Amino acid sequence: MSGDIITEAAGSAPGNAYYFDELKIGQKAGYTREVTDADIQIFAQVSGDNNPVHLDPEFAAAHTPFGGCIAHGILSASYISTVVGTILPGAGSIYVNQSLKFRAPVRAGDVVETEVEITDLIEKRGFVQLSTKCMVDGKVVLEGEATMMAPKR
């Protein structure tokens, strides 16, 4: 993904979201967040995913190829939801579909850069298709595709 990446919604729909007719193929948006130990602990508590690969350094070192704890993959994927739900298309948009491929682990202290790019607009249904990815230090750790229903006038 190249070109300008928006980091705040600037459409004319409520909440600065973009109406379907304001969207263009190639539009991009992004969000950056450092993953903390607290994020991982809170995500485990909220999701109920207490897998020791995320929470127990001794277990993770002894029983995984990662040498220590890794963040929940879905925690990184939630940053995609942040982008599509608050920036592009933004408030009022509805998730229809999301595919994910996990490419590399994310650890506490990693800075995850999330980017989405509009790849297709399906006017008849009001659907927006986007490519999605999360990166750490320029390396793709998660990629996929999303379909959103954008607000219409």
C-alpha atoms as a PDB file:
ATOM      1  CA  MET A   1       0.000   0.000   0.000  1.00  0.00           C
ATOM      2  CA  SER A   2       1.448   3.327  -0.964  1.00  0.00           C
ATOM      3  CA  GLY A   3       0.320   6.944  -1.013  1.00  0.00           C
ATOM      4  CA  ASP A   4      -1.462   9.036   1.562  1.00  0.00           C
ATOM      5  CA  ILE A   5      -2.808   7.176   4.559  1.00  0.00           C
ATOM      6  CA  ILE A   6      -5.536   8.928   6.507  1.00  0.00           C
ATOM      7  CA  THR A   7      -5.532   8.540  10.279  1.00  0.00           C
ATOM      8  CA  GLU A   8      -8.762  10.389  11.110  1.00  0.00           C
ATOM      9  CA  ALA A   9     -12.207  10.148   9.577  1.00  0.00           C
ATOM     10  CA  ALA A  10     -13.026  13.170   7.427  1.00  0.00           C
ATOM     11  CA  GLY A  11     -16.192  12.234   5.571  1.00  0.00           C
ATOM     12  CA  SER A  12     -19.509  14.073   5.617  1.00  0.00           C
ATOM     13  CA  ALA A  13     -21.581  11.310   7.268  1.00  0.00           C
ATOM     14  CA  PRO A  14     -22.336  11.470  11.009  1.00  0.00           C
ATOM     15  CA  GLY A  15     -19.200  10.924  13.079  1.00  0.00           C
ATOM     16  CA  ASN A  16     -17.112  12.158  10.138  1.00  0.00           C
ATOM     17  CA  ALA A  17     -17.613   8.771   8.477  1.00  0.00           C
ATOM     18  CA  TYR A  18     -17.589   8.416   4.727  1.00  0.00           C
ATOM     19  CA  TYR A  19     -20.782   7.871   2.791  1.00  0.00           C
ATOM     20  CA  PHE A  20     -20.470   5.160   0.145  1.00  0.00           C
ATOM     21  CA  ASP A  21     -20.433   7.750  -2.643  1.00  0.00           C
ATOM     22  CA  GLU A  22     -17.432   9.542  -1.062  1.00  0.00           C
ATOM     23  CA  LEU A  23     -15.239   6.434  -1.208  1.00  0.00           C
ATOM     24  CA  LYS A  24     -12.702   5.730  -3.942  1.00  0.00           C
ATOM     25  CA  ILE A  25     -10.673   2.682  -4.895  1.00  0.00           C
ATOM     26  CA  GLY A  26      -7.133   3.218  -3.619  1.00  0.00           C
ATOM     27  CA  GLN A  27      -8.146   5.230  -0.542  1.00  0.00           C
ATOM     28  CA  LYS A  28      -6.092   4.181   2.481  1.00  0.00           C
ATOM     29  CA  ALA A  29      -6.306   4.545   6.227  1.00  0.00           C
ATOM     30  CA  GLY A  30      -4.135   3.465   9.137  1.00  0.00           C
ATOM     31  CA  TYR A  31      -3.711   3.165  12.873  1.00  0.00           C
ATOM     32  CA  THR A  32      -0.593   2.577  14.978  1.00  0.00           C
ATOM     33  CA  ARG A  33      -0.419   1.153  18.488  1.00  0.00           C
ATOM     34  CA  GLU A  34       2.271  -0.262  20.746  1.00  0.00           C
ATOM     35  CA  VAL A  35       1.168  -3.570  22.256  1.00  0.00           C
ATOM     36  CA  THR A  36       1.697  -3.652  26.021  1.00  0.00           C
ATOM     37  CA  ASP A  37       1.657  -6.448  28.596  1.00  0.00           C
ATOM     38  CA  ALA A  38      -1.442  -4.754  30.017  1.00  0.00           C
ATOM     39  CA  ASP A  39      -3.166  -4.938  26.601  1.00  0.00           C
ATOM     40  CA  ILE A  40      -2.498  -8.681  26.452  1.00  0.00           C
ATOM     41  CA  GLN A  41      -3.729  -9.238  30.021  1.00  0.00           C
ATOM     42  CA  ILE A  42      -6.890  -7.195  29.461  1.00  0.00           C
ATOM     43  CA  PHE A  43      -7.589  -8.891  26.126  1.00  0.00           C
ATOM     44  CA  ALA A  44      -7.242 -12.304  27.807  1.00  0.00           C
ATOM     45  CA  GLN A  45      -9.657 -11.231  30.518  1.00  0.00           C
ATOM     46  CA  VAL A  46     -12.239  -9.737  28.156  1.00  0.00           C
ATOM     47  CA  SER A  47     -12.059 -12.528  25.552  1.00  0.00           C
ATOM     48  CA  GLY A  48     -11.647 -15.413  27.980  1.00  0.00           C
ATOM     49  CA  ASP A  49      -8.629 -16.614  25.963  1.00  0.00           C
ATOM     50  CA  ASN A  50      -6.257 -17.526  28.786  1.00  0.00           C
ATOM     51  CA  ASN A  51      -3.983 -19.703  26.656  1.00  0.00           C
ATOM     52  CA  PRO A  52      -0.629 -19.745  28.489  1.00  0.00           C
ATOM     53  CA  VAL A  53       1.194 -18.976  25.235  1.00  0.00           C
ATOM     54  CA  HIS A  54      -0.015 -15.411  25.838  1.00  0.00           C
ATOM     55  CA  LEU A  55       0.262 -15.197  29.619  1.00  0.00           C
ATOM     56  CA  ASP A  56       2.900 -17.571  31.017  1.00  0.00           C
ATOM     57  CA  PRO A  57       6.482 -16.835  29.891  1.00  0.00           C
ATOM     58  CA  GLU A  58       7.845 -20.149  31.200  1.00  0.00           C
ATOM     59  CA  PHE A  59       5.162 -22.186  29.440  1.00  0.00           C
ATOM     60  CA  ALA A  60       5.564 -20.188  26.202  1.00  0.00           C
ATOM     61  CA  ALA A  61       9.361 -20.612  26.263  1.00  0.00           C
ATOM     62  CA  ALA A  62       9.159 -24.360  26.877  1.00  0.00           C
ATOM     63  CA  HIS A  63       6.249 -25.294  24.620  1.00  0.00           C
ATOM     64  CA  THR A  64       6.277 -22.961  21.606  1.00  0.00           C
ATOM     65  CA  PRO A  65       8.759 -22.093  18.874  1.00  0.00           C
ATOM     66  CA  PHE A  66       8.529 -18.401  19.851  1.00  0.00           C
ATOM     67  CA  GLY A  67      10.779 -18.482  22.920  1.00  0.00           C
ATOM     68  CA  GLY A  68       8.304 -16.524  25.026  1.00  0.00           C
ATOM     69  CA  CYS A  69       4.850 -15.027  25.179  1.00  0.00           C
ATOM     70  CA  ILE A  70       3.124 -13.687  22.110  1.00  0.00           C
ATOM     71  CA  ALA A  71       0.067 -11.450  21.842  1.00  0.00           C
ATOM     72  CA  HIS A  72      -3.272 -12.881  20.776  1.00  0.00           C
ATOM     73  CA  GLY A  73      -3.496 -12.774  16.992  1.00  0.00           C
ATOM     74  CA  ILE A  74      -7.000 -11.401  17.242  1.00  0.00           C
ATOM     75  CA  LEU A  75      -5.676  -8.477  19.302  1.00  0.00           C
ATOM     76  CA  SER A  76      -3.733  -7.337  16.239  1.00  0.00           C
ATOM     77  CA  ALA A  77      -6.761  -8.062  14.049  1.00  0.00           C
ATOM     78  CA  SER A  78      -8.839  -5.798  16.289  1.00  0.00           C
ATOM     79  CA  TYR A  79      -6.739  -2.870  15.065  1.00  0.00           C
ATOM     80  CA  ILE A  80      -8.219  -3.498  11.599  1.00  0.00           C
ATOM     81  CA  SER A  81     -11.644  -3.133  13.198  1.00  0.00           C
ATOM     82  CA  THR A  82     -10.440   0.158  14.692  1.00  0.00           C
ATOM     83  CA  VAL A  83      -9.565   1.480  11.242  1.00  0.00           C
ATOM     84  CA  VAL A  84     -12.690   0.359   9.370  1.00  0.00           C
ATOM     85  CA  GLY A  85     -15.047   1.210  12.236  1.00  0.00           C
ATOM     86  CA  THR A  86     -13.676   4.632  13.114  1.00  0.00           C
ATOM     87  CA  ILE A  87     -11.761   5.973  10.097  1.00  0.00           C
ATOM     88  CA  LEU A  88     -12.530   4.358   6.711  1.00  0.00           C
ATOM     89  CA  PRO A  89     -15.439   3.952   6.046  1.00  0.00           C
ATOM     90  CA  GLY A  90     -15.900   4.880   9.728  1.00  0.00           C
ATOM     91  CA  ALA A  91     -18.808   5.270  12.133  1.00  0.00           C
ATOM     92  CA  GLY A  92     -21.980   3.492  11.078  1.00  0.00           C
ATOM     93  CA  SER A  93     -20.226   1.028   8.785  1.00  0.00           C
ATOM     94  CA  ILE A  94     -20.977  -2.655   9.335  1.00  0.00           C
ATOM     95  CA  TYR A  95     -18.548  -5.573   9.090  1.00  0.00           C
ATOM     96  CA  VAL A  96     -19.731  -8.147   6.560  1.00  0.00           C
ATOM     97  CA  ASN A  97     -16.626 -10.324   6.222  1.00  0.00           C
ATOM     98  CA  GLN A  98     -12.958 -10.529   7.232  1.00  0.00           C
ATOM     99  CA  SER A  99     -10.290 -13.029   6.220  1.00  0.00           C
ATOM    100  CA  LEU A 100      -7.023 -13.217   8.148  1.00  0.00           C
ATOM    101  CA  LYS A 101      -3.651 -14.848   7.584  1.00  0.00           C
ATOM    102  CA  PHE A 102      -1.261 -14.686  10.522  1.00  0.00           C
ATOM    103  CA  ARG A 103       2.321 -14.389   9.219  1.00  0.00           C
ATOM    104  CA  ALA A 104       4.430 -13.704  12.324  1.00  0.00           C
ATOM    105  CA  PRO A 105       3.990 -13.288  16.083  1.00  0.00           C
ATOM    106  CA  VAL A 106       3.479  -9.962  17.845  1.00  0.00           C
ATOM    107  CA  ARG A 107       4.962  -9.425  21.296  1.00  0.00           C
ATOM    108  CA  ALA A 108       4.546  -6.884  24.074  1.00  0.00           C
ATOM    109  CA  GLY A 109       6.575  -3.827  23.113  1.00  0.00           C
ATOM    110  CA  ASP A 110       5.989  -4.244  19.366  1.00  0.00           C
ATOM    111  CA  VAL A 111       4.517  -1.282  17.517  1.00  0.00           C
ATOM    112  CA  VAL A 112       1.796  -2.529  15.177  1.00  0.00           C
ATOM    113  CA  GLU A 113       1.060  -0.419  12.115  1.00  0.00           C
ATOM    114  CA  THR A 114      -2.317  -1.257  10.582  1.00  0.00           C
ATOM    115  CA  GLU A 115      -3.257  -0.256   7.052  1.00  0.00           C
ATOM    116  CA  VAL A 116      -6.365  -0.787   4.962  1.00  0.00           C
ATOM    117  CA  GLU A 117      -6.897   0.075   1.306  1.00  0.00           C
ATOM    118  CA  ILE A 118     -10.128   0.123  -0.668  1.00  0.00           C
ATOM    119  CA  THR A 119      -9.826  -2.413  -3.501  1.00  0.00           C
ATOM    120  CA  ASP A 120     -13.393  -2.494  -4.804  1.00  0.00           C
ATOM    121  CA  LEU A 121     -16.744  -0.727  -4.425  1.00  0.00           C
ATOM    122  CA  ILE A 122     -19.903  -2.754  -5.018  1.00  0.00           C
ATOM    123  CA  GLU A 123     -22.519  -0.067  -5.510  1.00  0.00           C
ATOM    124  CA  LYS A 124     -25.552  -2.347  -5.784  1.00  0.00           C
ATOM    125  CA  ARG A 125     -24.985  -3.675  -2.247  1.00  0.00           C
ATOM    126  CA  GLY A 126     -23.173  -0.665  -0.784  1.00  0.00           C
ATOM    127  CA  PHE A 127     -20.195  -2.906  -0.002  1.00  0.00           C
ATOM    128  CA  VAL A 128     -16.615  -1.739   0.297  1.00  0.00           C
ATOM    129  CA  GLN A 129     -13.853  -4.301  -0.152  1.00  0.00           C
ATOM    130  CA  LEU A 130     -10.507  -3.578   1.453  1.00  0.00           C
ATOM    131  CA  SER A 131      -7.109  -5.198   1.686  1.00  0.00           C
ATOM    132  CA  THR A 132      -5.932  -5.255   5.293  1.00  0.00           C
ATOM    133  CA  LYS A 133      -2.556  -5.719   6.940  1.00  0.00           C
ATOM    134  CA  CYS A 134      -0.691  -5.256  10.182  1.00  0.00           C
ATOM    135  CA  MET A 135       3.078  -4.756  10.256  1.00  0.00           C
ATOM    136  CA  VAL A 136       5.822  -4.655  12.863  1.00  0.00           C
ATOM    137  CA  ASP A 137       9.075  -2.975  11.805  1.00  0.00           C
ATOM    138  CA  GLY A 138       7.890  -3.084   8.180  1.00  0.00           C
ATOM    139  CA  LYS A 139       7.271  -6.867   8.293  1.00  0.00           C
ATOM    140  CA  VAL A 140       3.743  -8.100   7.611  1.00  0.00           C
ATOM    141  CA  VAL A 141       2.481 -10.002  10.665  1.00  0.00           C
ATOM    142  CA  LEU A 142      -1.156 -10.297   9.563  1.00  0.00           C
ATOM    143  CA  GLU A 143      -2.922  -9.768   6.249  1.00  0.00           C
ATOM    144  CA  GLY A 144      -6.333 -10.318   4.791  1.00  0.00           C
ATOM    145  CA  GLU A 145      -9.383  -8.808   3.189  1.00  0.00           C
ATOM    146  CA  ALA A 146     -12.449  -7.141   4.631  1.00  0.00           C
ATOM    147  CA  THR A 147     -15.896  -6.356   3.312  1.00  0.00           C
ATOM    148  CA  MET A 148     -17.805  -3.499   4.936  1.00  0.00           C
ATOM    149  CA  MET A 149     -21.232  -2.021   4.371  1.00  0.00           C
ATOM    150  CA  ALA A 150     -20.742   1.743   4.235  1.00  0.00           C
ATOM    151  CA  PRO A 151     -23.372   4.334   5.187  1.00  0.00           C
ATOM    152  CA  LYS A 152     -25.504   5.597   2.296  1.00  0.00           C
ATOM    153  CA  ARG A 153     -27.160   8.980   1.989  1.00  0.00           C
END
